[in-house]
Structure formats: C-alpha cells, structure tokens
C-alpha cells in the first residue's frame, strides 16, 4: 500500500495548533506540509490517470500543467498560490503573515484533496 499524502495535512494541522512551539516556525512548517499534502495528492491523482512523472525539478510545473489539461484549472491555480506561500515559508527570511498563509493553505489543500479522487 502506498503512502497517503493527505496525512501531511493532518501533521500541518497539528503543527498549526501546537501552542508549545514557536508560532512562526510552526506556521511556516504547516504551510509547507499543507502544500506537499495537496501537491502529492494531485500527483497521485494524475498518475492514476496515466500521467508519468520522473521526480525531477519540473514535477511541480508538470502537475500544474496536467491539472489544467485535465480540466482542473481552478485547482491548478490554488496549488500554484499554495506553492508561492510554501516557497515564502521555506525560503524567505523576512516576516510575513504566516497565519493568513496557513488559513489559505489549509483550505486550499482540503479543497484539492476533496476534489481529486485517485483511481485504484
């Protein structure tokens, strides 16, 4: 049985709710995990429909491209927005409103997961 990437969203929610950890660190991490929950779930969905991925640098763009070509432009746009937030959370040293990014990432990941059901 393969890994269920949606569990990353559970981890993200646990991080966001854990008041024992540094607020910025946990929210940055939650934004990142939510993105990867949605990204990997979408990649699994597309793979189940015959799309091949090579685990190379371009997979993030290929997932967006393939979501659009499969009629999921709105989900591709959401995933793109989440990726921008994830990049800020993972790489930017400046302060941002990570609470708002988390709220958007949580909702976006759930929408993508709910909308795409991989074939077994």
N, C-alpha and C. Protein backbone atom coordinates (compact mmCIF):
# COMPACT_ATOMS: atom_id res chain seq x y z
N UNK A 1 0.84 -1.18 0.00
CA UNK A 1 0.00 0.00 0.00
C UNK A 1 0.89 1.24 0.00
N UNK A 2 0.54 2.19 -0.82
CA UNK A 2 1.36 3.40 -0.90
C UNK A 2 0.97 4.40 0.19
N UNK A 3 1.87 5.31 0.42
CA UNK A 3 1.68 6.33 1.45
C UNK A 3 0.51 7.23 1.08
N UNK A 4 -0.31 7.58 2.06
CA UNK A 4 -1.42 8.51 1.86
C UNK A 4 -0.93 9.92 2.18
N UNK A 5 -0.66 10.69 1.13
CA UNK A 5 -0.09 12.02 1.27
C UNK A 5 -0.99 12.97 2.02
N UNK A 6 -2.27 12.67 2.11
CA UNK A 6 -3.17 13.57 2.83
C UNK A 6 -2.85 13.63 4.32
N UNK A 7 -2.09 12.64 4.81
CA UNK A 7 -1.68 12.68 6.22
C UNK A 7 -0.77 13.87 6.52
N UNK A 8 -0.10 14.40 5.49
CA UNK A 8 0.69 15.61 5.70
C UNK A 8 -0.20 16.76 6.15
N UNK A 9 -1.45 16.80 5.68
CA UNK A 9 -2.36 17.86 6.11
C UNK A 9 -2.71 17.69 7.59
N UNK A 10 -2.84 16.45 8.03
CA UNK A 10 -3.07 16.21 9.47
C UNK A 10 -1.88 16.72 10.29
N UNK A 11 -0.68 16.46 9.82
CA UNK A 11 0.52 16.93 10.50
C UNK A 11 0.55 18.46 10.52
N UNK A 12 0.20 19.06 9.38
CA UNK A 12 0.17 20.52 9.30
C UNK A 12 -0.79 21.10 10.32
N UNK A 13 -1.95 20.50 10.44
CA UNK A 13 -2.94 20.99 11.41
C UNK A 13 -2.44 20.84 12.84
N UNK A 14 -1.78 19.72 13.12
CA UNK A 14 -1.20 19.54 14.45
C UNK A 14 -0.15 20.61 14.74
N UNK A 15 0.69 20.89 13.75
CA UNK A 15 1.71 21.93 13.92
C UNK A 15 1.07 23.29 14.18
N UNK A 16 0.08 23.63 13.37
CA UNK A 16 -0.55 24.95 13.49
C UNK A 16 -1.24 25.13 14.84
N UNK A 17 -1.72 24.04 15.42
CA UNK A 17 -2.45 24.11 16.68
C UNK A 17 -1.58 23.94 17.92
N UNK A 18 -0.30 23.59 17.75
CA UNK A 18 0.57 23.28 18.88
C UNK A 18 1.15 24.57 19.46
N UNK A 19 0.55 25.05 20.53
CA UNK A 19 0.98 26.32 21.13
C UNK A 19 2.29 26.19 21.90
N UNK A 20 2.82 24.98 22.05
CA UNK A 20 4.08 24.80 22.75
C UNK A 20 5.29 25.13 21.87
N UNK A 21 5.07 25.27 20.58
CA UNK A 21 6.15 25.55 19.65
C UNK A 21 6.16 27.02 19.26
N UNK A 22 7.29 27.50 18.76
CA UNK A 22 7.41 28.86 18.27
C UNK A 22 6.36 29.10 17.17
N UNK A 23 5.59 30.17 17.30
CA UNK A 23 4.48 30.44 16.39
C UNK A 23 4.92 30.52 14.94
N UNK A 24 5.93 31.31 14.64
CA UNK A 24 6.34 31.47 13.24
C UNK A 24 6.88 30.16 12.67
N UNK A 25 7.67 29.44 13.43
CA UNK A 25 8.23 28.18 12.95
C UNK A 25 7.12 27.16 12.65
N UNK A 26 6.16 27.06 13.55
CA UNK A 26 5.11 26.06 13.34
C UNK A 26 4.20 26.45 12.18
N UNK A 27 3.90 27.74 12.01
CA UNK A 27 3.05 28.16 10.90
C UNK A 27 3.78 28.02 9.57
N UNK A 28 5.08 28.35 9.54
CA UNK A 28 5.86 28.14 8.32
C UNK A 28 5.83 26.65 7.94
N UNK A 29 6.05 25.80 8.92
CA UNK A 29 6.06 24.35 8.67
C UNK A 29 4.69 23.85 8.24
N UNK A 30 3.65 24.37 8.84
CA UNK A 30 2.29 23.95 8.49
C UNK A 30 1.96 24.34 7.05
N UNK A 31 2.35 25.54 6.63
CA UNK A 31 2.13 25.98 5.24
C UNK A 31 2.84 25.02 4.29
N UNK A 32 4.06 24.66 4.61
CA UNK A 32 4.84 23.76 3.77
C UNK A 32 4.21 22.37 3.68
N UNK A 33 3.84 21.81 4.81
CA UNK A 33 3.24 20.46 4.81
C UNK A 33 1.90 20.45 4.09
N UNK A 34 1.11 21.50 4.24
CA UNK A 34 -0.19 21.57 3.55
C UNK A 34 0.02 21.56 2.04
N UNK A 35 1.02 22.32 1.58
CA UNK A 35 1.31 22.33 0.14
C UNK A 35 1.67 20.92 -0.33
N UNK A 36 2.57 20.26 0.38
CA UNK A 36 3.00 18.94 -0.06
C UNK A 36 1.89 17.89 0.04
N UNK A 37 0.97 18.07 0.96
CA UNK A 37 -0.20 17.18 1.00
C UNK A 37 -1.00 17.33 -0.29
N UNK A 38 -1.26 18.56 -0.68
CA UNK A 38 -2.05 18.82 -1.89
C UNK A 38 -1.28 18.45 -3.15
N UNK A 39 0.00 18.84 -3.23
CA UNK A 39 0.81 18.55 -4.41
C UNK A 39 0.92 17.04 -4.65
N UNK A 40 1.29 16.29 -3.62
CA UNK A 40 1.47 14.86 -3.80
C UNK A 40 0.15 14.13 -4.03
N UNK A 41 -0.93 14.62 -3.43
CA UNK A 41 -2.25 14.04 -3.70
C UNK A 41 -2.62 14.27 -5.16
N UNK A 42 -2.39 15.48 -5.66
CA UNK A 42 -2.68 15.78 -7.07
C UNK A 42 -1.81 14.94 -7.99
N UNK A 43 -0.54 14.79 -7.65
CA UNK A 43 0.36 13.97 -8.48
C UNK A 43 -0.11 12.51 -8.49
N UNK A 44 -0.56 12.00 -7.36
CA UNK A 44 -1.09 10.63 -7.30
C UNK A 44 -2.34 10.50 -8.16
N UNK A 45 -3.22 11.50 -8.08
CA UNK A 45 -4.43 11.52 -8.91
C UNK A 45 -4.06 11.45 -10.39
N UNK A 46 -3.12 12.29 -10.79
CA UNK A 46 -2.72 12.33 -12.20
C UNK A 46 -2.03 11.05 -12.63
N UNK A 47 -1.20 10.49 -11.77
CA UNK A 47 -0.54 9.22 -12.08
C UNK A 47 -1.57 8.12 -12.30
N UNK A 48 -2.62 8.13 -11.51
CA UNK A 48 -3.68 7.11 -11.66
C UNK A 48 -4.44 7.27 -12.98
N UNK A 49 -4.24 8.40 -13.63
CA UNK A 49 -4.86 8.66 -14.94
C UNK A 49 -3.84 8.59 -16.06
N UNK A 50 -2.71 7.98 -15.79
CA UNK A 50 -1.73 7.70 -16.84
C UNK A 50 -0.63 8.72 -17.04
N UNK A 51 -0.60 9.77 -16.24
CA UNK A 51 0.45 10.77 -16.38
C UNK A 51 1.72 10.24 -15.70
N UNK A 52 2.85 10.38 -16.38
CA UNK A 52 4.13 9.91 -15.85
C UNK A 52 4.93 11.08 -15.30
N UNK A 53 5.50 10.88 -14.14
CA UNK A 53 6.37 11.86 -13.51
C UNK A 53 7.73 11.20 -13.30
N UNK A 54 8.77 12.00 -13.34
CA UNK A 54 10.12 11.47 -13.24
C UNK A 54 10.85 11.93 -11.99
N UNK A 55 10.13 12.56 -11.06
CA UNK A 55 10.70 13.06 -9.80
C UNK A 55 11.91 13.95 -10.06
N UNK A 56 11.71 14.83 -10.99
CA UNK A 56 12.73 15.81 -11.33
C UNK A 56 12.24 17.18 -10.90
N UNK A 57 13.09 18.16 -11.08
CA UNK A 57 12.78 19.53 -10.68
C UNK A 57 11.47 20.02 -11.28
N UNK A 58 11.13 19.64 -12.49
CA UNK A 58 9.96 20.15 -13.18
C UNK A 58 8.63 19.54 -12.78
N UNK A 59 8.62 18.64 -11.82
CA UNK A 59 7.36 17.99 -11.45
C UNK A 59 6.32 18.97 -10.91
N UNK A 60 6.74 20.00 -10.22
CA UNK A 60 5.77 20.96 -9.69
C UNK A 60 5.03 21.65 -10.84
N UNK A 61 5.77 22.06 -11.85
CA UNK A 61 5.15 22.69 -13.01
C UNK A 61 4.32 21.69 -13.80
N UNK A 62 4.82 20.46 -13.91
CA UNK A 62 4.09 19.42 -14.67
C UNK A 62 2.75 19.10 -14.01
N UNK A 63 2.71 19.05 -12.69
CA UNK A 63 1.44 18.80 -12.01
C UNK A 63 0.45 19.92 -12.35
N UNK A 64 0.91 21.18 -12.29
CA UNK A 64 0.02 22.30 -12.63
C UNK A 64 -0.47 22.18 -14.07
N UNK A 65 0.44 21.92 -14.99
CA UNK A 65 0.10 21.78 -16.40
C UNK A 65 -0.92 20.66 -16.62
N UNK A 66 -0.69 19.53 -15.98
CA UNK A 66 -1.57 18.38 -16.16
C UNK A 66 -2.92 18.58 -15.49
N UNK A 67 -2.96 19.25 -14.37
CA UNK A 67 -4.26 19.57 -13.76
C UNK A 67 -5.09 20.42 -14.73
N UNK A 68 -4.44 21.42 -15.34
CA UNK A 68 -5.15 22.27 -16.31
C UNK A 68 -5.63 21.44 -17.50
N UNK A 69 -4.79 20.57 -18.01
CA UNK A 69 -5.18 19.78 -19.19
C UNK A 69 -6.26 18.74 -18.87
N UNK A 70 -6.41 18.42 -17.59
CA UNK A 70 -7.48 17.50 -17.16
C UNK A 70 -8.73 18.25 -16.69
N UNK A 71 -8.78 19.54 -16.97
CA UNK A 71 -9.99 20.32 -16.66
C UNK A 71 -10.07 20.87 -15.25
N UNK A 72 -8.96 20.92 -14.55
CA UNK A 72 -8.95 21.39 -13.17
C UNK A 72 -8.16 22.69 -13.03
N UNK A 73 -8.48 23.67 -13.86
CA UNK A 73 -7.76 24.94 -13.85
C UNK A 73 -7.86 25.62 -12.49
N UNK A 74 -9.03 25.58 -11.88
CA UNK A 74 -9.20 26.23 -10.57
C UNK A 74 -8.31 25.59 -9.51
N UNK A 75 -8.16 24.27 -9.55
CA UNK A 75 -7.31 23.58 -8.58
C UNK A 75 -5.84 23.85 -8.87
N UNK A 76 -5.48 23.94 -10.15
CA UNK A 76 -4.11 24.29 -10.52
C UNK A 76 -3.77 25.69 -10.01
N UNK A 77 -4.70 26.61 -10.17
CA UNK A 77 -4.48 27.98 -9.67
C UNK A 77 -4.30 27.98 -8.15
N UNK A 78 -5.11 27.20 -7.46
CA UNK A 78 -5.00 27.11 -5.99
C UNK A 78 -3.66 26.50 -5.59
N UNK A 79 -3.26 25.44 -6.27
CA UNK A 79 -1.99 24.80 -5.95
C UNK A 79 -0.82 25.74 -6.24
N UNK A 80 -0.91 26.51 -7.31
CA UNK A 80 0.13 27.49 -7.63
C UNK A 80 0.24 28.54 -6.51
N UNK A 81 -0.90 29.03 -6.05
CA UNK A 81 -0.91 30.01 -4.95
C UNK A 81 -0.28 29.39 -3.69
N UNK A 82 -0.63 28.16 -3.40
CA UNK A 82 -0.08 27.46 -2.24
C UNK A 82 1.44 27.27 -2.38
N UNK A 83 1.89 27.00 -3.60
CA UNK A 83 3.33 26.83 -3.82
C UNK A 83 4.08 28.13 -3.54
N UNK A 84 3.54 29.25 -3.97
CA UNK A 84 4.17 30.54 -3.69
C UNK A 84 4.27 30.76 -2.18
N UNK A 85 3.20 30.45 -1.45
CA UNK A 85 3.24 30.58 0.01
C UNK A 85 4.27 29.62 0.61
N UNK A 86 4.31 28.40 0.10
CA UNK A 86 5.27 27.41 0.60
C UNK A 86 6.69 27.91 0.37
N UNK A 87 6.96 28.47 -0.79
CA UNK A 87 8.29 29.00 -1.06
C UNK A 87 8.65 30.12 -0.08
N UNK A 88 7.71 31.00 0.19
CA UNK A 88 7.95 32.06 1.17
C UNK A 88 8.20 31.47 2.55
N UNK A 89 7.39 30.50 2.93
CA UNK A 89 7.54 29.89 4.26
C UNK A 89 8.86 29.15 4.40
N UNK A 90 9.31 28.51 3.33
CA UNK A 90 10.53 27.70 3.40
C UNK A 90 11.81 28.47 3.16
N UNK A 91 11.75 29.58 2.42
CA UNK A 91 12.98 30.23 1.99
C UNK A 91 13.15 31.69 2.41
N UNK A 92 12.07 32.44 2.54
CA UNK A 92 12.19 33.86 2.86
C UNK A 92 12.54 34.06 4.33
N UNK A 93 13.47 34.96 4.57
CA UNK A 93 13.87 35.23 5.95
C UNK A 93 13.07 36.38 6.56
N UNK A 94 12.37 37.14 5.75
CA UNK A 94 11.58 38.25 6.25
C UNK A 94 10.30 37.77 6.91
N UNK A 95 9.72 38.67 7.67
CA UNK A 95 8.48 38.34 8.36
C UNK A 95 7.28 38.55 7.43
N UNK A 96 6.35 37.65 7.45
CA UNK A 96 5.11 37.74 6.69
C UNK A 96 3.98 37.29 7.60
N UNK A 97 2.76 37.43 7.12
CA UNK A 97 1.61 36.97 7.89
C UNK A 97 1.39 35.49 7.62
N UNK A 98 2.15 34.66 8.31
CA UNK A 98 2.07 33.22 8.09
C UNK A 98 0.76 32.64 8.59
N UNK A 99 0.09 33.32 9.51
CA UNK A 99 -1.23 32.85 9.95
C UNK A 99 -2.21 32.89 8.78
N UNK A 100 -2.20 33.97 8.00
CA UNK A 100 -3.09 34.05 6.84
C UNK A 100 -2.70 33.03 5.77
N UNK A 101 -1.41 32.85 5.57
CA UNK A 101 -0.96 31.84 4.61
C UNK A 101 -1.41 30.45 5.05
N UNK A 102 -1.33 30.20 6.36
CA UNK A 102 -1.77 28.90 6.87
C UNK A 102 -3.27 28.71 6.63
N UNK A 103 -4.06 29.70 6.93
CA UNK A 103 -5.52 29.59 6.73
C UNK A 103 -5.82 29.27 5.26
N UNK A 104 -5.16 30.00 4.36
CA UNK A 104 -5.37 29.74 2.93
C UNK A 104 -4.85 28.39 2.49
N UNK A 105 -3.70 27.99 3.01
CA UNK A 105 -3.12 26.69 2.65
C UNK A 105 -3.96 25.53 3.16
N UNK A 106 -4.46 25.65 4.36
CA UNK A 106 -5.31 24.61 4.94
C UNK A 106 -6.57 24.43 4.09
N UNK A 107 -7.23 25.54 3.77
CA UNK A 107 -8.46 25.47 2.97
C UNK A 107 -8.16 24.97 1.56
N UNK A 108 -7.08 25.47 0.97
CA UNK A 108 -6.73 25.06 -0.39
C UNK A 108 -6.39 23.58 -0.48
N UNK A 109 -5.60 23.09 0.46
CA UNK A 109 -5.24 21.67 0.45
C UNK A 109 -6.48 20.80 0.61
N UNK A 110 -7.37 21.19 1.50
CA UNK A 110 -8.59 20.40 1.70
C UNK A 110 -9.44 20.40 0.43
N UNK A 111 -9.55 21.52 -0.24
CA UNK A 111 -10.33 21.60 -1.48
C UNK A 111 -9.73 20.71 -2.56
N UNK A 112 -8.41 20.71 -2.70
CA UNK A 112 -7.76 19.86 -3.70
C UNK A 112 -7.95 18.39 -3.36
N UNK A 113 -7.77 18.05 -2.12
CA UNK A 113 -7.94 16.65 -1.69
C UNK A 113 -9.39 16.20 -1.90
N UNK A 114 -10.34 17.03 -1.55
CA UNK A 114 -11.75 16.67 -1.71
C UNK A 114 -12.17 16.55 -3.17
N UNK A 115 -11.51 17.29 -4.06
CA UNK A 115 -11.91 17.35 -5.47
C UNK A 115 -11.29 16.26 -6.33
N UNK A 116 -10.16 15.71 -5.90
CA UNK A 116 -9.44 14.74 -6.71
C UNK A 116 -9.40 13.39 -6.02
N UNK A 117 -10.01 12.40 -6.62
CA UNK A 117 -10.00 11.06 -6.07
C UNK A 117 -9.20 10.15 -7.00
N UNK A 118 -8.01 9.75 -6.55
CA UNK A 118 -7.21 8.85 -7.40
C UNK A 118 -7.91 7.53 -7.67
N UNK A 119 -7.73 7.00 -8.87
CA UNK A 119 -8.25 5.67 -9.21
C UNK A 119 -7.32 4.63 -8.62
N UNK A 120 -7.88 3.55 -8.14
CA UNK A 120 -7.04 2.48 -7.59
C UNK A 120 -6.70 1.47 -8.66
